[in-house]
PDB file of all heavy atoms in Angstrom:
ATOM      1  N   TYR A   1      -5.340   2.347 -10.712  1.00  0.00           N
ATOM      2  CA  TYR A   1      -5.883   2.948  -9.472  1.00  0.00           C
ATOM      3  C   TYR A   1      -5.961   1.791  -8.437  1.00  0.00           C
ATOM      4  O   TYR A   1      -6.681   0.828  -8.644  1.00  0.00           O
ATOM      5  CB  TYR A   1      -7.250   3.552  -9.689  1.00  0.00           C
ATOM      6  CG  TYR A   1      -7.287   4.623 -10.654  1.00  0.00           C
ATOM      7  CD1 TYR A   1      -7.529   4.370 -12.045  1.00  0.00           C
ATOM      8  CD2 TYR A   1      -7.096   5.943 -10.290  1.00  0.00           C
ATOM      9  CE1 TYR A   1      -7.616   5.392 -12.948  1.00  0.00           C
ATOM     10  CE2 TYR A   1      -7.090   6.982 -11.209  1.00  0.00           C
ATOM     11  CZ  TYR A   1      -7.396   6.716 -12.574  1.00  0.00           C
ATOM     12  OH  TYR A   1      -7.370   7.722 -13.474  1.00  0.00           O
ATOM     13  N   VAL A   2      -5.344   1.991  -7.220  1.00  0.00           N
ATOM     14  CA  VAL A   2      -5.391   1.050  -6.182  1.00  0.00           C
ATOM     15  C   VAL A   2      -6.082   1.735  -4.975  1.00  0.00           C
ATOM     16  O   VAL A   2      -5.530   2.789  -4.444  1.00  0.00           O
ATOM     17  CB  VAL A   2      -4.083   0.513  -5.802  1.00  0.00           C
ATOM     18  CG1 VAL A   2      -4.141  -0.531  -4.697  1.00  0.00           C
ATOM     19  CG2 VAL A   2      -3.324  -0.047  -7.058  1.00  0.00           C
ATOM     20  N   ALA A   3      -7.183   1.353  -4.514  1.00  0.00           N
ATOM     21  CA  ALA A   3      -7.849   1.939  -3.429  1.00  0.00           C
ATOM     22  C   ALA A   3      -7.297   1.684  -2.167  1.00  0.00           C
ATOM     23  O   ALA A   3      -7.213   0.582  -1.614  1.00  0.00           O
ATOM     24  CB  ALA A   3      -9.366   1.502  -3.413  1.00  0.00           C
ATOM     25  N   LEU A   4      -6.816   2.792  -1.494  1.00  0.00           N
ATOM     26  CA  LEU A   4      -6.059   2.681  -0.267  1.00  0.00           C
ATOM     27  C   LEU A   4      -6.441   3.732   0.735  1.00  0.00           C
ATOM     28  O   LEU A   4      -5.535   4.437   1.310  1.00  0.00           O
ATOM     29  CB  LEU A   4      -4.574   2.701  -0.404  1.00  0.00           C
ATOM     30  CG  LEU A   4      -3.924   1.593  -1.315  1.00  0.00           C
ATOM     31  CD1 LEU A   4      -2.480   1.863  -1.606  1.00  0.00           C
ATOM     32  CD2 LEU A   4      -4.071   0.212  -0.584  1.00  0.00           C
ATOM     33  N   PRO A   5      -7.749   3.960   0.991  1.00  0.00           N
ATOM     34  CA  PRO A   5      -8.083   4.994   1.988  1.00  0.00           C
ATOM     35  C   PRO A   5      -7.570   4.670   3.449  1.00  0.00           C
ATOM     36  O   PRO A   5      -7.677   3.541   3.790  1.00  0.00           O
ATOM     37  CB  PRO A   5      -9.635   5.000   1.985  1.00  0.00           C
ATOM     38  CG  PRO A   5     -10.044   3.630   1.411  1.00  0.00           C
ATOM     39  CD  PRO A   5      -8.836   3.255   0.471  1.00  0.00           C
ATOM     40  N   GLY A   6      -7.117   5.695   3.992  1.00  0.00           N
ATOM     41  CA  GLY A   6      -6.588   5.485   5.432  1.00  0.00           C
ATOM     42  C   GLY A   6      -5.230   4.883   5.433  1.00  0.00           C
ATOM     43  O   GLY A   6      -4.743   4.646   6.542  1.00  0.00           O
ATOM     44  N   VAL A   7      -4.511   4.664   4.345  1.00  0.00           N
ATOM     45  CA  VAL A   7      -3.191   4.132   4.319  1.00  0.00           C
ATOM     46  C   VAL A   7      -2.235   5.286   4.153  1.00  0.00           C
ATOM     47  O   VAL A   7      -2.320   6.056   3.213  1.00  0.00           O
ATOM     48  CB  VAL A   7      -3.009   3.068   3.196  1.00  0.00           C
ATOM     49  CG1 VAL A   7      -1.547   2.565   3.090  1.00  0.00           C
ATOM     50  CG2 VAL A   7      -4.012   1.950   3.399  1.00  0.00           C
ATOM     51  N   SER A   8      -1.256   5.428   5.028  1.00  0.00           N
ATOM     52  CA  SER A   8      -0.232   6.474   4.917  1.00  0.00           C
ATOM     53  C   SER A   8       0.740   6.161   3.762  1.00  0.00           C
ATOM     54  O   SER A   8       1.135   4.961   3.526  1.00  0.00           O
ATOM     55  CB  SER A   8       0.570   6.463   6.227  1.00  0.00           C
ATOM     56  OG  SER A   8       1.741   7.224   6.101  1.00  0.00           O
ATOM     57  N   ALA A   9       1.060   7.159   3.032  1.00  0.00           N
ATOM     58  CA  ALA A   9       1.995   7.102   1.862  1.00  0.00           C
ATOM     59  C   ALA A   9       3.309   6.430   2.302  1.00  0.00           C
ATOM     60  O   ALA A   9       3.953   5.715   1.507  1.00  0.00           O
ATOM     61  CB  ALA A   9       2.123   8.367   1.201  1.00  0.00           C
ATOM     62  N   ALA A  10       3.683   6.715   3.544  1.00  0.00           N
ATOM     63  CA  ALA A  10       5.025   6.203   4.013  1.00  0.00           C
ATOM     64  C   ALA A  10       4.988   4.672   4.179  1.00  0.00           C
ATOM     65  O   ALA A  10       6.019   4.079   4.137  1.00  0.00           O
ATOM     66  CB  ALA A  10       5.359   6.831   5.372  1.00  0.00           C
ATOM     67  N   THR A  11       3.820   4.040   4.267  1.00  0.00           N
ATOM     68  CA  THR A  11       3.833   2.630   4.417  1.00  0.00           C
ATOM     69  C   THR A  11       3.671   1.867   3.114  1.00  0.00           C
ATOM     70  O   THR A  11       3.746   0.655   3.051  1.00  0.00           O
ATOM     71  CB  THR A  11       2.696   2.188   5.379  1.00  0.00           C
ATOM     72  OG1 THR A  11       1.396   2.367   4.729  1.00  0.00           O
ATOM     73  CG2 THR A  11       2.729   2.889   6.727  1.00  0.00           C
ATOM     74  N   ILE A  12       3.467   2.533   1.997  1.00  0.00           N
ATOM     75  CA  ILE A  12       3.179   1.938   0.662  1.00  0.00           C
ATOM     76  C   ILE A  12       4.582   1.576  -0.045  1.00  0.00           C
ATOM     77  O   ILE A  12       5.390   2.440  -0.142  1.00  0.00           O
ATOM     78  CB  ILE A  12       2.293   2.792  -0.223  1.00  0.00           C
ATOM     79  CG1 ILE A  12       1.024   3.097   0.506  1.00  0.00           C
ATOM     80  CG2 ILE A  12       2.062   2.207  -1.518  1.00  0.00           C
ATOM     81  CD1 ILE A  12       0.081   4.109  -0.119  1.00  0.00           C
ATOM     82  N   SER A  13       4.558   0.368  -0.577  1.00  0.00           N
ATOM     83  CA  SER A  13       5.698  -0.024  -1.332  1.00  0.00           C
ATOM     84  C   SER A  13       5.214  -0.533  -2.649  1.00  0.00           C
ATOM     85  O   SER A  13       4.276  -1.248  -2.857  1.00  0.00           O
ATOM     86  CB  SER A  13       6.442  -1.165  -0.735  1.00  0.00           C
ATOM     87  OG  SER A  13       7.411  -1.706  -1.562  1.00  0.00           O
ATOM     88  N   VAL A  14       5.888  -0.018  -3.789  1.00  0.00           N
ATOM     89  CA  VAL A  14       5.475  -0.447  -5.246  1.00  0.00           C
ATOM     90  C   VAL A  14       6.671  -1.042  -5.808  1.00  0.00           C
ATOM     91  O   VAL A  14       7.771  -0.430  -5.821  1.00  0.00           O
ATOM     92  CB  VAL A  14       5.028   0.821  -6.021  1.00  0.00           C
ATOM     93  CG1 VAL A  14       4.690   0.438  -7.357  1.00  0.00           C
ATOM     94  CG2 VAL A  14       3.854   1.571  -5.332  1.00  0.00           C
ATOM     95  N   VAL A  15       6.497  -2.253  -6.258  1.00  0.00           N
ATOM     96  CA  VAL A  15       7.584  -3.045  -6.917  1.00  0.00           C
ATOM     97  C   VAL A  15       7.159  -3.395  -8.344  1.00  0.00           C
ATOM     98  O   VAL A  15       6.092  -3.930  -8.568  1.00  0.00           O
ATOM     99  CB  VAL A  15       7.908  -4.313  -6.039  1.00  0.00           C
ATOM    100  CG1 VAL A  15       8.979  -5.099  -6.833  1.00  0.00           C
ATOM    101  CG2 VAL A  15       8.297  -3.980  -4.721  1.00  0.00           C
ATOM    102  N   PHE A  16       8.048  -2.940  -9.304  1.00  0.00           N
ATOM    103  CA  PHE A  16       7.770  -3.236 -10.666  1.00  0.00           C
ATOM    104  C   PHE A  16       8.529  -4.520 -11.027  1.00  0.00           C
ATOM    105  O   PHE A  16       9.719  -4.672 -10.817  1.00  0.00           O
ATOM    106  CB  PHE A  16       8.147  -2.100 -11.571  1.00  0.00           C
ATOM    107  CG  PHE A  16       7.504  -0.829 -11.239  1.00  0.00           C
ATOM    108  CD1 PHE A  16       8.254   0.192 -10.524  1.00  0.00           C
ATOM    109  CD2 PHE A  16       6.282  -0.600 -11.646  1.00  0.00           C
ATOM    110  CE1 PHE A  16       7.599   1.328 -10.215  1.00  0.00           C
ATOM    111  CE2 PHE A  16       5.562   0.647 -11.342  1.00  0.00           C
ATOM    112  CZ  PHE A  16       6.209   1.589 -10.573  1.00  0.00           C
ATOM    113  N   GLN A  17       7.793  -5.498 -11.619  1.00  0.00           N
ATOM    114  CA  GLN A  17       8.392  -6.835 -12.137  1.00  0.00           C
ATOM    115  C   GLN A  17       7.992  -6.952 -13.506  1.00  0.00           C
ATOM    116  O   GLN A  17       7.108  -6.360 -14.002  1.00  0.00           O
ATOM    117  CB  GLN A  17       7.811  -7.853 -11.203  1.00  0.00           C
ATOM    118  CG  GLN A  17       8.120  -7.750  -9.703  1.00  0.00           C
ATOM    119  CD  GLN A  17       7.058  -8.297  -8.834  1.00  0.00           C
ATOM    120  OE1 GLN A  17       5.873  -8.345  -9.130  1.00  0.00           O
ATOM    121  NE2 GLN A  17       7.509  -8.825  -7.680  1.00  0.00           N
ATOM    122  N   PRO A  18       8.653  -7.889 -14.241  1.00  0.00           N
ATOM    123  CA  PRO A  18       8.427  -8.100 -15.650  1.00  0.00           C
ATOM    124  C   PRO A  18       6.982  -8.541 -15.882  1.00  0.00           C
ATOM    125  O   PRO A  18       6.390  -8.199 -16.951  1.00  0.00           O
ATOM    126  CB  PRO A  18       9.380  -9.210 -16.031  1.00  0.00           C
ATOM    127  CG  PRO A  18      10.496  -9.132 -15.035  1.00  0.00           C
ATOM    128  CD  PRO A  18       9.931  -8.668 -13.824  1.00  0.00           C
ATOM    129  N   ASP A  19       6.322  -9.177 -14.868  1.00  0.00           N
ATOM    130  CA  ASP A  19       4.892  -9.691 -15.122  1.00  0.00           C
ATOM    131  C   ASP A  19       3.884  -8.745 -14.458  1.00  0.00           C
ATOM    132  O   ASP A  19       2.702  -9.117 -14.581  1.00  0.00           O
ATOM    133  CB  ASP A  19       4.854 -11.089 -14.569  1.00  0.00           C
ATOM    134  CG  ASP A  19       5.009 -11.186 -13.094  1.00  0.00           C
ATOM    135  OD1 ASP A  19       5.560 -10.211 -12.512  1.00  0.00           O
ATOM    136  OD2 ASP A  19       4.467 -12.123 -12.494  1.00  0.00           O
ATOM    137  N   GLY A  20       4.270  -7.598 -13.901  1.00  0.00           N
ATOM    138  CA  GLY A  20       3.296  -6.717 -13.337  1.00  0.00           C
ATOM    139  C   GLY A  20       3.878  -5.877 -12.280  1.00  0.00           C
ATOM    140  O   GLY A  20       5.018  -5.711 -12.113  1.00  0.00           O
ATOM    141  N   VAL A  21       2.963  -5.379 -11.454  1.00  0.00           N
ATOM    142  CA  VAL A  21       3.221  -4.480 -10.380  1.00  0.00           C
ATOM    143  C   VAL A  21       2.718  -5.114  -9.084  1.00  0.00           C
ATOM    144  O   VAL A  21       1.612  -5.559  -9.026  1.00  0.00           O
ATOM    145  CB  VAL A  21       2.510  -3.078 -10.523  1.00  0.00           C
ATOM    146  CG1 VAL A  21       2.809  -2.125  -9.468  1.00  0.00           C
ATOM    147  CG2 VAL A  21       2.986  -2.470 -11.883  1.00  0.00           C
ATOM    148  N   THR A  22       3.514  -4.947  -7.979  1.00  0.00           N
ATOM    149  CA  THR A  22       3.070  -5.435  -6.638  1.00  0.00           C
ATOM    150  C   THR A  22       3.057  -4.192  -5.743  1.00  0.00           C
ATOM    151  O   THR A  22       4.067  -3.485  -5.558  1.00  0.00           O
ATOM    152  CB  THR A  22       3.964  -6.500  -6.026  1.00  0.00           C
ATOM    153  OG1 THR A  22       3.911  -7.587  -6.970  1.00  0.00           O
ATOM    154  CG2 THR A  22       3.510  -6.928  -4.664  1.00  0.00           C
ATOM    155  N   VAL A  23       1.866  -3.925  -5.180  1.00  0.00           N
ATOM    156  CA  VAL A  23       1.688  -2.894  -4.214  1.00  0.00           C
ATOM    157  C   VAL A  23       1.485  -3.569  -2.846  1.00  0.00           C
ATOM    158  O   VAL A  23       0.594  -4.424  -2.709  1.00  0.00           O
ATOM    159  CB  VAL A  23       0.427  -2.013  -4.558  1.00  0.00           C
ATOM    160  CG1 VAL A  23       0.228  -0.911  -3.577  1.00  0.00           C
ATOM    161  CG2 VAL A  23       0.617  -1.468  -6.007  1.00  0.00           C
ATOM    162  N   SER A  24       2.261  -3.084  -1.848  1.00  0.00           N
ATOM    163  CA  SER A  24       2.088  -3.560  -0.469  1.00  0.00           C
ATOM    164  C   SER A  24       2.220  -2.535   0.473  1.00  0.00           C
ATOM    165  O   SER A  24       2.610  -1.393   0.189  1.00  0.00           O
ATOM    166  CB  SER A  24       3.150  -4.724  -0.234  1.00  0.00           C
ATOM    167  OG  SER A  24       4.451  -4.164  -0.365  1.00  0.00           O
ATOM    168  N   GLY A  25       1.838  -2.740   1.755  1.00  0.00           N
ATOM    169  CA  GLY A  25       1.839  -1.768   2.789  1.00  0.00           C
ATOM    170  C   GLY A  25       1.074  -2.170   3.960  1.00  0.00           C
ATOM    171  O   GLY A  25       0.912  -3.319   4.221  1.00  0.00           O
ATOM    172  N   LEU A  26       0.672  -1.151   4.792  1.00  0.00           N
ATOM    173  CA  LEU A  26       0.089  -1.398   6.078  1.00  0.00           C
ATOM    174  C   LEU A  26      -1.003  -0.390   6.383  1.00  0.00           C
ATOM    175  O   LEU A  26      -0.758   0.852   6.179  1.00  0.00           O
ATOM    176  CB  LEU A  26       1.147  -1.338   7.175  1.00  0.00           C
ATOM    177  CG  LEU A  26       0.657  -1.480   8.604  1.00  0.00           C
ATOM    178  CD1 LEU A  26       0.155  -2.885   8.919  1.00  0.00           C
ATOM    179  CD2 LEU A  26       1.729  -1.011   9.562  1.00  0.00           C
ATOM    180  N   ARG A  27      -2.184  -0.787   6.745  1.00  0.00           N
ATOM    181  CA  ARG A  27      -3.229   0.134   7.231  1.00  0.00           C
ATOM    182  C   ARG A  27      -3.288  -0.145   8.674  1.00  0.00           C
ATOM    183  O   ARG A  27      -3.645  -1.264   9.111  1.00  0.00           O
ATOM    184  CB  ARG A  27      -4.604  -0.149   6.586  1.00  0.00           C
ATOM    185  CG  ARG A  27      -5.696   0.867   7.109  1.00  0.00           C
ATOM    186  CD  ARG A  27      -7.035   0.571   6.671  1.00  0.00           C
ATOM    187  NE  ARG A  27      -7.095   0.966   5.269  1.00  0.00           N
ATOM    188  CZ  ARG A  27      -7.878   0.240   4.361  1.00  0.00           C
ATOM    189  NH1 ARG A  27      -8.529  -0.849   4.740  1.00  0.00           N
ATOM    190  NH2 ARG A  27      -7.976   0.698   3.066  1.00  0.00           N
ATOM    191  N   ARG A  28      -2.985   0.790   9.475  1.00  0.00           N
ATOM    192  CA  ARG A  28      -2.921   0.661  10.966  1.00  0.00           C
ATOM    193  C   ARG A  28      -4.356   0.782  11.492  1.00  0.00           C
ATOM    194  O   ARG A  28      -5.142   1.508  11.027  1.00  0.00           O
ATOM    195  CB  ARG A  28      -2.050   1.796  11.578  1.00  0.00           C
ATOM    196  CG  ARG A  28      -0.676   1.638  11.080  1.00  0.00           C
ATOM    197  CD  ARG A  28       0.259   2.624  11.936  1.00  0.00           C
ATOM    198  NE  ARG A  28       1.581   2.658  11.372  1.00  0.00           N
ATOM    199  CZ  ARG A  28       2.489   1.786  11.460  1.00  0.00           C
ATOM    200  NH1 ARG A  28       2.374   0.759  12.131  1.00  0.00           N
ATOM    201  NH2 ARG A  28       3.744   2.003  10.930  1.00  0.00           N
ATOM    202  N   PHE A  29      -4.508   0.034  12.627  1.00  0.00           N
ATOM    203  CA  PHE A  29      -5.817   0.077  13.247  1.00  0.00           C
ATOM    204  C   PHE A  29      -5.938   1.354  14.045  1.00  0.00           C
ATOM    205  O   PHE A  29      -5.043   1.620  14.858  1.00  0.00           O
ATOM    206  CB  PHE A  29      -5.979  -1.175  14.168  1.00  0.00           C
ATOM    207  CG  PHE A  29      -7.357  -1.329  14.751  1.00  0.00           C
ATOM    208  CD1 PHE A  29      -8.437  -1.668  13.896  1.00  0.00           C
ATOM    209  CD2 PHE A  29      -7.544  -1.147  16.075  1.00  0.00           C
ATOM    210  CE1 PHE A  29      -9.667  -1.795  14.437  1.00  0.00           C
ATOM    211  CE2 PHE A  29      -8.845  -1.259  16.632  1.00  0.00           C
ATOM    212  CZ  PHE A  29      -9.931  -1.640  15.775  1.00  0.00           C
ATOM    213  N   PRO A  30      -6.940   2.186  13.899  1.00  0.00           N
ATOM    214  CA  PRO A  30      -7.041   3.540  14.478  1.00  0.00           C
ATOM    215  C   PRO A  30      -7.405   3.567  15.955  1.00  0.00           C
ATOM    216  O   PRO A  30      -7.285   4.605  16.573  1.00  0.00           O
ATOM    217  CB  PRO A  30      -8.000   4.259  13.636  1.00  0.00           C
ATOM    218  CG  PRO A  30      -8.941   3.179  13.194  1.00  0.00           C
ATOM    219  CD  PRO A  30      -8.072   1.915  12.901  1.00  0.00           C
ATOM    220  N   ALA A  31      -7.985   2.469  16.556  1.00  0.00           N
ATOM    221  CA  ALA A  31      -8.480   2.531  17.875  1.00  0.00           C
ATOM    222  C   ALA A  31      -7.422   2.463  18.905  1.00  0.00           C
ATOM    223  O   ALA A  31      -6.423   1.672  18.693  1.00  0.00           O
ATOM    224  CB  ALA A  31      -9.441   1.330  18.052  1.00  0.00           C
ATOM    225  N   ALA A  32      -7.591   3.192  19.980  1.00  0.00           N
ATOM    226  CA  ALA A  32      -6.793   3.111  21.183  1.00  0.00           C
ATOM    227  C   ALA A  32      -7.243   1.971  22.064  1.00  0.00           C
ATOM    228  O   ALA A  32      -8.457   1.505  21.896  1.00  0.00           O
ATOM    229  CB  ALA A  32      -6.762   4.435  21.890  1.00  0.00           C
TER     230      ALA A  32
END
């Protein structure tokens, strides 16, 4: 379970490697 509230699914990248998993992405700043 990786806590990502407010992060769009379209910005999430999951990479599987022999030593584990890397999750990366972007949480955009909501203020105008």
